Amino acid sequence: MLKELKELDFGSIEPLLISEEFMDRFSKLEKMCHHFHLSLQSGCDKTLERMNRRYTTKEFKEIVERIRNTYDDAILTTDIIVGFPGETEEEFNETYEFLKEIKFYKMHIFKFSVRKGTKAEKMENQVSPEIKEKRSNLLLELSDKNEIEYLESYIGKEIEVLFEEKEGDFYKGHTSNYIMAKVKSDEDLENKILKVYVNKRDDFLLECSKI
């Protein structure tokens, strides 16, 4: 069964699992996508401590560097929570600057919502919905900017794509680092890996042509 797999996406990973040994072993697995979803939650150490996360921003940055030193085409995505109780404007700005530095390909932004029975429900300095909305929008803008810049860096290059489905006149699929691409074709490309030429960015995917 494993021999029939063309590519395998590892999915969400606990950041602290990514040791030197982990990356050494991972790099020997030829069919793994070079896509790593690391749930950061916040780029501020004080906020991370209140969230009871077990790593610091310094440790997280070292993990990111470990991945990028292994794969120069690594795609990094993450989850961020804005408006966690006690998150000040200064703490949010720390998160924003840290995210600018790491430059994730894409960020999934969540506004903190209270869950009954949790410690966070009883925490002081709950953040207002208006401030959560403002902070969420700022990070969504940053995420879109990063994704567009990354996609546009591929224009004029040749890439390999595993085509998965047809949509209208185009076949769509993913690169080995999980970027979505499409190519117009009369030939059935489903479940085929092809080298294609990137013509342009079409919204948040790459439009290509067959070589």
N, C-alpha and C. Protein backbone atom coordinates (compact mmCIF):
# COMPACT_ATOMS: atom_id res chain seq x y z
N MET A 1 0.84 -1.21 0.00
CA MET A 1 0.00 0.00 0.00
C MET A 1 0.87 1.26 0.00
N LEU A 2 1.93 1.26 0.84
CA LEU A 2 2.80 2.44 0.92
C LEU A 2 3.47 2.73 -0.41
N LYS A 3 3.78 1.69 -1.18
CA LYS A 3 4.42 1.89 -2.47
C LYS A 3 3.53 2.64 -3.44
N GLU A 4 2.20 2.54 -3.23
CA GLU A 4 1.26 3.20 -4.13
C GLU A 4 1.11 4.69 -3.79
N LEU A 5 1.54 5.09 -2.59
CA LEU A 5 1.44 6.48 -2.20
C LEU A 5 2.43 7.32 -2.99
N LYS A 6 1.96 8.45 -3.51
CA LYS A 6 2.85 9.35 -4.24
C LYS A 6 3.39 10.44 -3.33
N GLU A 7 2.52 10.99 -2.47
CA GLU A 7 2.94 12.00 -1.52
C GLU A 7 2.12 11.86 -0.26
N LEU A 8 2.72 12.17 0.88
CA LEU A 8 2.03 12.07 2.16
C LEU A 8 2.28 13.34 2.96
N ASP A 9 1.19 14.02 3.38
CA ASP A 9 1.31 15.23 4.17
C ASP A 9 1.24 14.85 5.64
N PHE A 10 2.24 15.30 6.42
CA PHE A 10 2.36 14.90 7.81
C PHE A 10 1.32 15.56 8.71
N GLY A 11 0.84 16.71 8.32
CA GLY A 11 -0.19 17.40 9.09
C GLY A 11 0.37 18.20 10.26
N SER A 12 -0.48 18.45 11.26
CA SER A 12 -0.09 19.28 12.40
C SER A 12 0.90 18.55 13.31
N ILE A 13 1.92 19.28 13.76
CA ILE A 13 2.99 18.68 14.56
C ILE A 13 3.21 19.50 15.82
N GLU A 14 3.38 18.84 16.95
CA GLU A 14 3.77 19.51 18.17
C GLU A 14 5.21 20.02 17.96
N PRO A 15 5.44 21.34 18.03
CA PRO A 15 6.75 21.90 17.70
C PRO A 15 7.94 21.24 18.41
N LEU A 16 7.77 20.93 19.69
CA LEU A 16 8.90 20.39 20.45
C LEU A 16 9.31 18.99 20.01
N LEU A 17 8.51 18.33 19.20
CA LEU A 17 8.88 17.02 18.68
C LEU A 17 9.96 17.12 17.60
N ILE A 18 10.12 18.31 17.02
CA ILE A 18 11.01 18.46 15.88
C ILE A 18 12.45 18.70 16.35
N SER A 19 13.07 17.61 16.74
CA SER A 19 14.47 17.64 17.17
C SER A 19 15.38 17.43 15.96
N GLU A 20 16.68 17.52 16.18
CA GLU A 20 17.64 17.23 15.12
C GLU A 20 17.47 15.79 14.63
N GLU A 21 17.27 14.88 15.58
CA GLU A 21 17.08 13.46 15.22
C GLU A 21 15.81 13.27 14.39
N PHE A 22 14.73 13.97 14.80
CA PHE A 22 13.47 13.87 14.05
C PHE A 22 13.67 14.30 12.60
N MET A 23 14.31 15.46 12.41
CA MET A 23 14.51 15.96 11.05
C MET A 23 15.43 15.06 10.24
N ASP A 24 16.42 14.48 10.89
CA ASP A 24 17.32 13.57 10.19
C ASP A 24 16.56 12.36 9.66
N ARG A 25 15.68 11.81 10.48
CA ARG A 25 14.89 10.65 10.06
C ARG A 25 13.82 11.05 9.04
N PHE A 26 13.20 12.18 9.28
CA PHE A 26 12.14 12.65 8.39
C PHE A 26 12.67 12.89 6.98
N SER A 27 13.87 13.44 6.89
CA SER A 27 14.45 13.78 5.59
C SER A 27 14.75 12.55 4.74
N LYS A 28 14.79 11.38 5.37
CA LYS A 28 15.06 10.14 4.64
C LYS A 28 13.78 9.53 4.05
N LEU A 29 12.63 10.10 4.39
CA LEU A 29 11.35 9.61 3.87
C LEU A 29 11.03 10.37 2.59
N GLU A 30 11.21 9.74 1.45
CA GLU A 30 11.13 10.42 0.16
C GLU A 30 9.73 10.93 -0.18
N LYS A 31 8.69 10.29 0.32
CA LYS A 31 7.33 10.63 -0.12
C LYS A 31 6.63 11.64 0.79
N MET A 32 7.33 12.18 1.76
CA MET A 32 6.71 13.14 2.66
C MET A 32 6.71 14.54 2.04
N CYS A 33 5.58 15.23 2.16
CA CYS A 33 5.50 16.63 1.71
C CYS A 33 6.38 17.51 2.60
N HIS A 34 6.96 18.53 2.01
CA HIS A 34 7.78 19.46 2.77
C HIS A 34 6.90 20.58 3.34
N HIS A 35 5.82 20.16 3.97
CA HIS A 35 4.85 21.09 4.55
C HIS A 35 4.74 20.78 6.03
N PHE A 36 4.97 21.80 6.86
CA PHE A 36 4.93 21.61 8.30
C PHE A 36 3.95 22.60 8.91
N HIS A 37 2.93 22.06 9.57
CA HIS A 37 1.97 22.92 10.27
C HIS A 37 2.32 22.92 11.75
N LEU A 38 2.85 24.04 12.22
CA LEU A 38 3.30 24.18 13.60
C LEU A 38 2.38 25.14 14.33
N SER A 39 1.70 24.66 15.34
CA SER A 39 0.74 25.49 16.05
C SER A 39 1.45 26.38 17.06
N LEU A 40 1.71 27.63 16.67
CA LEU A 40 2.44 28.57 17.52
C LEU A 40 1.54 29.17 18.60
N GLN A 41 0.36 29.64 18.23
CA GLN A 41 -0.65 30.28 19.09
C GLN A 41 -0.35 31.74 19.42
N SER A 42 0.91 32.06 19.75
CA SER A 42 1.26 33.45 20.03
C SER A 42 2.76 33.63 19.82
N GLY A 43 3.16 34.85 19.43
CA GLY A 43 4.57 35.16 19.28
C GLY A 43 5.12 35.98 20.43
N CYS A 44 4.45 35.90 21.57
CA CYS A 44 4.86 36.64 22.77
C CYS A 44 5.04 35.63 23.90
N ASP A 45 6.19 35.64 24.54
CA ASP A 45 6.48 34.66 25.60
C ASP A 45 5.53 34.77 26.79
N LYS A 46 5.15 36.00 27.17
CA LYS A 46 4.24 36.16 28.30
C LYS A 46 2.88 35.54 27.99
N THR A 47 2.40 35.74 26.77
CA THR A 47 1.13 35.17 26.37
C THR A 47 1.22 33.65 26.31
N LEU A 48 2.32 33.15 25.75
CA LEU A 48 2.52 31.70 25.68
C LEU A 48 2.51 31.08 27.07
N GLU A 49 3.10 31.76 28.02
CA GLU A 49 3.13 31.25 29.40
C GLU A 49 1.72 31.17 29.97
N ARG A 50 0.90 32.20 29.74
CA ARG A 50 -0.49 32.17 30.23
C ARG A 50 -1.30 31.08 29.53
N MET A 51 -0.95 30.80 28.29
CA MET A 51 -1.62 29.74 27.53
C MET A 51 -1.16 28.34 27.97
N ASN A 52 -0.13 28.31 28.81
CA ASN A 52 0.45 27.05 29.28
C ASN A 52 1.13 26.27 28.16
N ARG A 53 1.70 27.02 27.18
CA ARG A 53 2.48 26.37 26.13
C ARG A 53 3.86 26.04 26.68
N ARG A 54 4.46 24.98 26.19
CA ARG A 54 5.70 24.47 26.78
C ARG A 54 6.96 24.96 26.09
N TYR A 55 6.84 25.90 25.18
CA TYR A 55 8.02 26.39 24.46
C TYR A 55 8.04 27.92 24.50
N THR A 56 9.20 28.47 24.21
CA THR A 56 9.37 29.93 24.10
C THR A 56 9.50 30.30 22.62
N THR A 57 9.44 31.57 22.34
CA THR A 57 9.60 32.01 20.95
C THR A 57 11.01 31.70 20.45
N LYS A 58 12.00 31.77 21.35
CA LYS A 58 13.38 31.44 20.97
C LYS A 58 13.47 29.97 20.53
N GLU A 59 12.86 29.07 21.30
CA GLU A 59 12.87 27.65 20.95
C GLU A 59 12.11 27.40 19.64
N PHE A 60 11.00 28.10 19.48
CA PHE A 60 10.21 27.94 18.26
C PHE A 60 11.00 28.38 17.04
N LYS A 61 11.71 29.50 17.17
CA LYS A 61 12.52 29.99 16.06
C LYS A 61 13.61 28.99 15.68
N GLU A 62 14.21 28.35 16.69
CA GLU A 62 15.24 27.34 16.43
C GLU A 62 14.66 26.15 15.67
N ILE A 63 13.42 25.78 15.99
CA ILE A 63 12.74 24.68 15.30
C ILE A 63 12.49 25.04 13.84
N VAL A 64 12.06 26.28 13.61
CA VAL A 64 11.83 26.75 12.24
C VAL A 64 13.14 26.71 11.44
N GLU A 65 14.21 27.18 12.04
CA GLU A 65 15.50 27.17 11.36
C GLU A 65 15.96 25.75 11.05
N ARG A 66 15.66 24.82 11.96
CA ARG A 66 16.00 23.41 11.77
C ARG A 66 15.30 22.85 10.53
N ILE A 67 14.04 23.19 10.38
CA ILE A 67 13.27 22.72 9.22
C ILE A 67 13.80 23.34 7.94
N ARG A 68 14.01 24.65 7.96
CA ARG A 68 14.45 25.35 6.75
C ARG A 68 15.88 25.00 6.35
N ASN A 69 16.68 24.60 7.32
CA ASN A 69 18.03 24.13 7.00
C ASN A 69 18.01 22.75 6.35
N THR A 70 16.92 22.01 6.59
CA THR A 70 16.77 20.68 6.00
C THR A 70 16.15 20.76 4.61
N TYR A 71 15.15 21.62 4.45
CA TYR A 71 14.45 21.78 3.17
C TYR A 71 14.41 23.26 2.80
N ASP A 72 15.05 23.61 1.70
CA ASP A 72 15.02 25.02 1.30
C ASP A 72 13.67 25.42 0.69
N ASP A 73 12.81 24.42 0.41
CA ASP A 73 11.48 24.72 -0.13
C ASP A 73 10.39 24.45 0.91
N ALA A 74 10.75 24.35 2.19
CA ALA A 74 9.78 24.03 3.23
C ALA A 74 8.68 25.10 3.30
N ILE A 75 7.45 24.63 3.41
CA ILE A 75 6.30 25.50 3.62
C ILE A 75 5.89 25.38 5.08
N LEU A 76 5.78 26.52 5.76
CA LEU A 76 5.39 26.53 7.16
C LEU A 76 4.06 27.25 7.32
N THR A 77 3.13 26.59 7.99
CA THR A 77 1.84 27.21 8.31
C THR A 77 1.65 27.11 9.83
N THR A 78 0.71 27.90 10.34
CA THR A 78 0.54 27.92 11.80
C THR A 78 -0.86 28.34 12.20
N ASP A 79 -1.15 28.18 13.49
CA ASP A 79 -2.38 28.68 14.11
C ASP A 79 -2.02 29.77 15.10
N ILE A 80 -2.78 30.86 15.09
CA ILE A 80 -2.55 31.96 16.02
C ILE A 80 -3.88 32.33 16.68
N ILE A 81 -3.83 32.55 17.98
CA ILE A 81 -5.01 33.02 18.72
C ILE A 81 -4.78 34.48 19.11
N VAL A 82 -5.72 35.35 18.77
CA VAL A 82 -5.64 36.75 19.19
C VAL A 82 -6.65 36.99 20.30
N GLY A 83 -6.31 37.90 21.18
CA GLY A 83 -7.25 38.29 22.23
C GLY A 83 -7.32 37.33 23.39
N PHE A 84 -6.25 36.54 23.62
CA PHE A 84 -6.24 35.69 24.81
C PHE A 84 -6.25 36.60 26.03
N PRO A 85 -6.94 36.20 27.10
CA PRO A 85 -7.04 37.08 28.28
C PRO A 85 -5.70 37.64 28.72
N GLY A 86 -5.67 38.97 28.91
CA GLY A 86 -4.46 39.64 29.35
C GLY A 86 -3.56 40.09 28.22
N GLU A 87 -3.91 39.77 26.96
CA GLU A 87 -3.06 40.18 25.84
C GLU A 87 -3.14 41.70 25.66
N THR A 88 -2.06 42.38 26.00
CA THR A 88 -2.00 43.83 25.87
C THR A 88 -1.63 44.20 24.44
N GLU A 89 -1.69 45.49 24.16
CA GLU A 89 -1.29 45.99 22.84
C GLU A 89 0.20 45.69 22.61
N GLU A 90 0.99 45.84 23.66
CA GLU A 90 2.42 45.55 23.56
C GLU A 90 2.67 44.07 23.25
N GLU A 91 1.94 43.20 23.91
CA GLU A 91 2.10 41.76 23.67
C GLU A 91 1.68 41.39 22.25
N PHE A 92 0.58 41.98 21.79
CA PHE A 92 0.15 41.71 20.42
C PHE A 92 1.20 42.19 19.42
N ASN A 93 1.77 43.36 19.67
CA ASN A 93 2.81 43.87 18.77
C ASN A 93 4.03 42.95 18.74
N GLU A 94 4.35 42.34 19.88
CA GLU A 94 5.45 41.36 19.91
C GLU A 94 5.11 40.18 19.00
N THR A 95 3.89 39.72 19.09
CA THR A 95 3.44 38.62 18.22
C THR A 95 3.53 39.02 16.76
N TYR A 96 3.05 40.21 16.45
CA TYR A 96 3.05 40.67 15.06
C TYR A 96 4.48 40.72 14.51
N GLU A 97 5.41 41.27 15.27
CA GLU A 97 6.80 41.39 14.81
C GLU A 97 7.45 40.01 14.68
N PHE A 98 7.13 39.10 15.59
CA PHE A 98 7.67 37.75 15.52
C PHE A 98 7.17 37.04 14.27
N LEU A 99 5.90 37.22 13.95
CA LEU A 99 5.32 36.59 12.76
C LEU A 99 5.91 37.18 11.48
N LYS A 100 6.20 38.47 11.49
CA LYS A 100 6.87 39.10 10.34
C LYS A 100 8.25 38.48 10.13
N GLU A 101 8.94 38.20 11.24
CA GLU A 101 10.28 37.62 11.17
C GLU A 101 10.25 36.18 10.66
N ILE A 102 9.36 35.37 11.21
CA ILE A 102 9.27 33.96 10.81
C ILE A 102 8.75 33.83 9.38
N LYS A 103 7.82 34.69 9.01
CA LYS A 103 7.24 34.72 7.66
C LYS A 103 6.66 33.35 7.26
N PHE A 104 5.60 32.96 7.95
CA PHE A 104 4.88 31.76 7.60
C PHE A 104 4.25 31.91 6.22
N TYR A 105 4.10 30.80 5.53
CA TYR A 105 3.42 30.82 4.24
C TYR A 105 1.94 31.19 4.42
N LYS A 106 1.34 30.63 5.45
CA LYS A 106 -0.06 30.92 5.71
C LYS A 106 -0.31 30.80 7.22
N MET A 107 -1.19 31.67 7.73
CA MET A 107 -1.54 31.63 9.14
C MET A 107 -3.05 31.51 9.30
N HIS A 108 -3.48 30.60 10.16
CA HIS A 108 -4.90 30.44 10.49
C HIS A 108 -5.14 31.23 11.78
N ILE A 109 -5.93 32.28 11.67
CA ILE A 109 -6.12 33.20 12.79
C ILE A 109 -7.46 32.93 13.48
N PHE A 110 -7.40 32.77 14.81
CA PHE A 110 -8.61 32.52 15.59
C PHE A 110 -8.75 33.58 16.68
N LYS A 111 -9.95 34.08 16.84
CA LYS A 111 -10.22 35.02 17.93
C LYS A 111 -10.58 34.21 19.18
N PHE A 112 -9.93 34.51 20.29
CA PHE A 112 -10.18 33.76 21.52
C PHE A 112 -11.65 33.82 21.90
N SER A 113 -12.21 32.66 22.23
CA SER A 113 -13.58 32.60 22.73
C SER A 113 -13.59 31.82 24.04
N VAL A 114 -14.36 32.30 24.98
CA VAL A 114 -14.40 31.71 26.32
C VAL A 114 -15.11 30.37 26.29
N ARG A 115 -14.49 29.38 26.93
CA ARG A 115 -15.13 28.08 27.12
C ARG A 115 -15.41 27.90 28.60
N LYS A 116 -16.65 27.54 28.91
CA LYS A 116 -17.03 27.38 30.32
C LYS A 116 -16.21 26.26 30.97
N GLY A 117 -15.79 26.55 32.19
CA GLY A 117 -15.07 25.55 32.96
C GLY A 117 -13.57 25.56 32.77
N THR A 118 -13.08 26.45 31.91
CA THR A 118 -11.63 26.52 31.68
C THR A 118 -11.02 27.60 32.57
N LYS A 119 -9.71 27.50 32.77
CA LYS A 119 -9.00 28.51 33.56
C LYS A 119 -9.09 29.88 32.90
N ALA A 120 -9.05 29.90 31.56
CA ALA A 120 -9.09 31.17 30.83
C ALA A 120 -10.39 31.93 31.06
N GLU A 121 -11.47 31.20 31.37
CA GLU A 121 -12.76 31.86 31.60
C GLU A 121 -12.68 32.79 32.81
N LYS A 122 -11.87 32.40 33.80
CA LYS A 122 -11.80 33.17 35.04
C LYS A 122 -10.64 34.16 35.06
N MET A 123 -9.86 34.20 33.99
CA MET A 123 -8.73 35.12 33.94
C MET A 123 -9.19 36.57 33.87
N GLU A 124 -8.41 37.44 34.47
CA GLU A 124 -8.72 38.87 34.42
C GLU A 124 -8.32 39.46 33.07
N ASN A 125 -8.76 40.68 32.83
CA ASN A 125 -8.40 41.44 31.62
C ASN A 125 -8.80 40.73 30.33
N GLN A 126 -10.06 40.36 30.27
CA GLN A 126 -10.59 39.78 29.04
C GLN A 126 -10.56 40.85 27.94
N VAL A 127 -10.23 40.44 26.73
CA VAL A 127 -10.08 41.38 25.62
C VAL A 127 -11.43 41.57 24.92
N SER A 128 -11.73 42.81 24.56
CA SER A 128 -13.03 43.12 23.95
C SER A 128 -13.13 42.54 22.54
N PRO A 129 -14.36 42.24 22.08
CA PRO A 129 -14.55 41.73 20.72
C PRO A 129 -14.01 42.68 19.65
N GLU A 130 -14.12 44.00 19.89
CA GLU A 130 -13.65 44.98 18.91
C GLU A 130 -12.13 44.90 18.73
N ILE A 131 -11.41 44.73 19.83
CA ILE A 131 -9.95 44.64 19.75
C ILE A 131 -9.54 43.31 19.11
N LYS A 132 -10.25 42.25 19.44
CA LYS A 132 -9.96 40.94 18.80
C LYS A 132 -10.13 41.03 17.30
N GLU A 133 -11.19 41.69 16.87
CA GLU A 133 -11.47 41.84 15.43
C GLU A 133 -10.35 42.63 14.75
N LYS A 134 -9.93 43.70 15.37
CA LYS A 134 -8.86 44.53 14.80
C LYS A 134 -7.56 43.73 14.67
N ARG A 135 -7.20 43.02 15.72
CA ARG A 135 -5.96 42.24 15.71
C ARG A 135 -6.04 41.09 14.71
N SER A 136 -7.18 40.45 14.64
CA SER A 136 -7.38 39.37 13.68
C SER A 136 -7.19 39.86 12.26
N ASN A 137 -7.77 41.01 11.94
CA ASN A 137 -7.66 41.56 10.59
C ASN A 137 -6.22 41.90 10.23
N LEU A 138 -5.47 42.43 11.18
CA LEU A 138 -4.06 42.76 10.92
C LEU A 138 -3.25 41.51 10.58
N LEU A 139 -3.50 40.42 11.30
CA LEU A 139 -2.75 39.19 11.04
C LEU A 139 -3.22 38.50 9.77
N LEU A 140 -4.49 38.61 9.44
CA LEU A 140 -4.98 38.05 8.17
C LEU A 140 -4.35 38.78 6.99
N GLU A 141 -4.20 40.09 7.11
CA GLU A 141 -3.54 40.87 6.05
C GLU A 141 -2.09 40.44 5.89
N LEU A 142 -1.40 40.23 7.01
CA LEU A 142 -0.01 39.78 6.97
C LEU A 142 0.09 38.39 6.34
N SER A 143 -0.83 37.51 6.70
CA SER A 143 -0.83 36.16 6.14
C SER A 143 -1.02 36.19 4.63
N ASP A 144 -1.98 36.98 4.15
CA ASP A 144 -2.23 37.08 2.71
C ASP A 144 -1.01 37.65 1.99
N LYS A 145 -0.37 38.65 2.59
CA LYS A 145 0.82 39.27 1.99
C LYS A 145 1.94 38.24 1.85
N ASN A 146 2.17 37.46 2.90
CA ASN A 146 3.21 36.43 2.86
C ASN A 146 2.92 35.39 1.78
N GLU A 147 1.67 34.95 1.72
CA GLU A 147 1.31 33.91 0.76
C GLU A 147 1.46 34.40 -0.67
N ILE A 148 1.02 35.62 -0.94
CA ILE A 148 1.13 36.19 -2.30
C ILE A 148 2.60 36.32 -2.70
N GLU A 149 3.43 36.84 -1.81
CA GLU A 149 4.85 37.00 -2.11
C GLU A 149 5.51 35.66 -2.39
N TYR A 150 5.14 34.66 -1.61
CA TYR A 150 5.74 33.34 -1.80
C TYR A 150 5.32 32.74 -3.13
N LEU A 151 4.04 32.84 -3.45
CA LEU A 151 3.55 32.29 -4.72
C LEU A 151 4.20 32.99 -5.90
N GLU A 152 4.32 34.30 -5.82
CA GLU A 152 4.89 35.06 -6.94
C GLU A 152 6.38 34.76 -7.13
N SER A 153 7.04 34.26 -6.10
CA SER A 153 8.46 33.89 -6.23
C SER A 153 8.64 32.67 -7.13
N TYR A 154 7.55 31.95 -7.41
CA TYR A 154 7.61 30.75 -8.26
C TYR A 154 7.36 31.05 -9.73
N ILE A 155 6.90 32.25 -10.06
CA ILE A 155 6.60 32.59 -11.45
C ILE A 155 7.87 32.48 -12.30
N GLY A 156 7.73 31.76 -13.44
CA GLY A 156 8.87 31.56 -14.32
C GLY A 156 9.72 30.34 -13.98
N LYS A 157 9.29 29.58 -12.98
CA LYS A 157 10.05 28.39 -12.58
C LYS A 157 9.32 27.11 -13.00
N GLU A 158 10.04 26.02 -13.01
CA GLU A 158 9.46 24.71 -13.26
C GLU A 158 9.26 24.00 -11.92
N ILE A 159 8.10 23.39 -11.76
CA ILE A 159 7.78 22.68 -10.52
C ILE A 159 7.13 21.35 -10.85
N GLU A 160 7.15 20.43 -9.91
CA GLU A 160 6.44 19.15 -10.06
C GLU A 160 5.15 19.21 -9.25
N VAL A 161 4.07 18.73 -9.87
CA VAL A 161 2.76 18.79 -9.22
C VAL A 161 2.10 17.41 -9.29
N LEU A 162 1.52 16.99 -8.18
CA LEU A 162 0.67 15.79 -8.16
C LEU A 162 -0.76 16.26 -8.38
N PHE A 163 -1.30 15.98 -9.57
CA PHE A 163 -2.65 16.43 -9.90
C PHE A 163 -3.68 15.48 -9.31
N GLU A 164 -4.69 16.06 -8.66
CA GLU A 164 -5.62 15.29 -7.86
C GLU A 164 -7.06 15.31 -8.37
N GLU A 165 -7.47 16.42 -9.01
CA GLU A 165 -8.87 16.53 -9.42
C GLU A 165 -9.02 17.51 -10.57
N LYS A 166 -10.14 17.37 -11.28
CA LYS A 166 -10.44 18.28 -12.38
C LYS A 166 -11.50 19.27 -11.93
N GLU A 167 -11.30 20.52 -12.32
CA GLU A 167 -12.27 21.57 -12.02
C GLU A 167 -12.43 22.43 -13.26
N GLY A 168 -13.52 22.27 -13.97
CA GLY A 168 -13.71 22.97 -15.24
C GLY A 168 -12.72 22.45 -16.27
N ASP A 169 -11.97 23.37 -16.89
CA ASP A 169 -10.96 22.98 -17.89
C ASP A 169 -9.61 22.70 -17.27
N PHE A 170 -9.49 22.84 -15.94
CA PHE A 170 -8.19 22.73 -15.28
C PHE A 170 -8.11 21.49 -14.38
N TYR A 171 -6.89 20.96 -14.28
CA TYR A 171 -6.57 19.96 -13.28
C TYR A 171 -5.81 20.66 -12.16
N LYS A 172 -6.19 20.34 -10.93
CA LYS A 172 -5.57 20.98 -9.78
C LYS A 172 -4.84 19.95 -8.92
N GLY A 173 -3.76 20.39 -8.28
CA GLY A 173 -3.02 19.50 -7.40
C GLY A 173 -2.02 20.27 -6.58
N HIS A 174 -1.14 19.53 -5.92
CA HIS A 174 -0.19 20.15 -5.00
C HIS A 174 1.25 19.81 -5.38
N THR A 175 2.14 20.74 -5.06
CA THR A 175 3.58 20.50 -5.18
C THR A 175 4.03 19.66 -3.98
N SER A 176 5.31 19.30 -3.97
CA SER A 176 5.84 18.50 -2.86
C SER A 176 5.87 19.28 -1.55
N ASN A 177 5.77 20.61 -1.61
CA ASN A 177 5.67 21.40 -0.38
C ASN A 177 4.26 21.96 -0.18
N TYR A 178 3.31 21.35 -0.87
CA TYR A 178 1.87 21.55 -0.66
C TYR A 178 1.32 22.90 -1.13
N ILE A 179 1.92 23.45 -2.18
CA ILE A 179 1.35 24.63 -2.82
C ILE A 179 0.34 24.15 -3.87
N MET A 180 -0.81 24.81 -3.92
CA MET A 180 -1.84 24.44 -4.90
C MET A 180 -1.50 25.03 -6.26
N ALA A 181 -1.60 24.19 -7.30
CA ALA A 181 -1.33 24.64 -8.67
C ALA A 181 -2.39 24.05 -9.60
N LYS A 182 -2.55 24.68 -10.77
CA LYS A 182 -3.51 24.17 -11.75
C LYS A 182 -2.93 24.30 -13.15
N VAL A 183 -3.39 23.44 -14.05
CA VAL A 183 -2.95 23.48 -15.44
C VAL A 183 -4.13 23.10 -16.34
N LYS A 184 -4.26 23.78 -17.46
CA LYS A 184 -5.33 23.48 -18.41
C LYS A 184 -4.89 22.32 -19.28
N SER A 185 -5.76 21.30 -19.39
CA SER A 185 -5.36 20.11 -20.14
C SER A 185 -6.58 19.31 -20.60
N ASP A 186 -6.49 18.81 -21.84
CA ASP A 186 -7.50 17.89 -22.35
C ASP A 186 -7.18 16.45 -21.95
N GLU A 187 -5.91 16.23 -21.65
CA GLU A 187 -5.46 14.91 -21.21
C GLU A 187 -5.85 14.69 -19.75
N ASP A 188 -6.18 13.46 -19.39
CA ASP A 188 -6.52 13.12 -18.01
C ASP A 188 -5.23 13.13 -17.17
N LEU A 189 -5.14 14.07 -16.24
CA LEU A 189 -3.93 14.19 -15.42
C LEU A 189 -4.12 13.69 -13.99
N GLU A 190 -5.30 13.18 -13.68
CA GLU A 190 -5.59 12.79 -12.31
C GLU A 190 -4.63 11.71 -11.81
N ASN A 191 -4.08 11.93 -10.62
CA ASN A 191 -3.13 11.02 -9.96
C ASN A 191 -1.79 10.91 -10.70
N LYS A 192 -1.46 11.92 -11.49
CA LYS A 192 -0.18 11.93 -12.19
C LYS A 192 0.70 13.04 -11.63
N ILE A 193 2.00 12.77 -11.57
CA ILE A 193 2.98 13.79 -11.18
C ILE A 193 3.65 14.29 -12.45
N LEU A 194 3.52 15.59 -12.70
CA LEU A 194 4.09 16.18 -13.91
C LEU A 194 4.92 17.41 -13.58
N LYS A 195 5.94 17.65 -14.37
CA LYS A 195 6.70 18.89 -14.27
C LYS A 195 5.99 19.93 -15.13
N VAL A 196 5.70 21.09 -14.55
CA VAL A 196 4.98 22.15 -15.26
C VAL A 196 5.72 23.48 -15.08
N TYR A 197 5.34 24.44 -15.93
CA TYR A 197 5.94 25.77 -15.90
C TYR A 197 4.95 26.75 -15.28
N VAL A 198 5.41 27.54 -14.32
CA VAL A 198 4.53 28.49 -13.63
C VAL A 198 4.42 29.78 -14.44
N ASN A 199 3.21 30.07 -14.92
CA ASN A 199 2.96 31.27 -15.72
C ASN A 199 2.63 32.49 -14.87
N LYS A 200 1.79 32.28 -13.86
CA LYS A 200 1.34 33.42 -13.07
C LYS A 200 0.67 32.93 -11.79
N ARG A 201 0.39 33.89 -10.92
CA ARG A 201 -0.41 33.62 -9.73
C ARG A 201 -1.86 33.94 -10.05
N ASP A 202 -2.74 33.02 -9.74
CA ASP A 202 -4.17 33.24 -9.91
C ASP A 202 -4.80 33.18 -8.52
N ASP A 203 -4.99 34.35 -7.92
CA ASP A 203 -5.46 34.43 -6.55
C ASP A 203 -4.46 33.73 -5.64
N PHE A 204 -4.87 32.64 -4.97
CA PHE A 204 -3.96 31.97 -4.05
C PHE A 204 -3.53 30.59 -4.55
N LEU A 205 -3.34 30.49 -5.86
CA LEU A 205 -2.75 29.29 -6.42
C LEU A 205 -1.92 29.67 -7.64
N LEU A 206 -1.17 28.70 -8.16
CA LEU A 206 -0.29 28.94 -9.30
C LEU A 206 -0.94 28.40 -10.56
N GLU A 207 -1.00 29.23 -11.61
CA GLU A 207 -1.50 28.76 -12.91
C GLU A 207 -0.29 28.40 -13.76
N CYS A 208 -0.30 27.16 -14.26
CA CYS A 208 0.86 26.61 -14.96
C CYS A 208 0.50 26.10 -16.34
N SER A 209 1.52 25.74 -17.10
CA SER A 209 1.32 25.09 -18.38
C SER A 209 2.22 23.87 -18.47
N LYS A 210 1.79 22.87 -19.22
CA LYS A 210 2.57 21.64 -19.36
C LYS A 210 3.85 21.92 -20.15
N ILE A 211 4.89 21.21 -19.81
CA ILE A 211 6.18 21.35 -20.50
C ILE A 211 6.28 20.31 -21.60
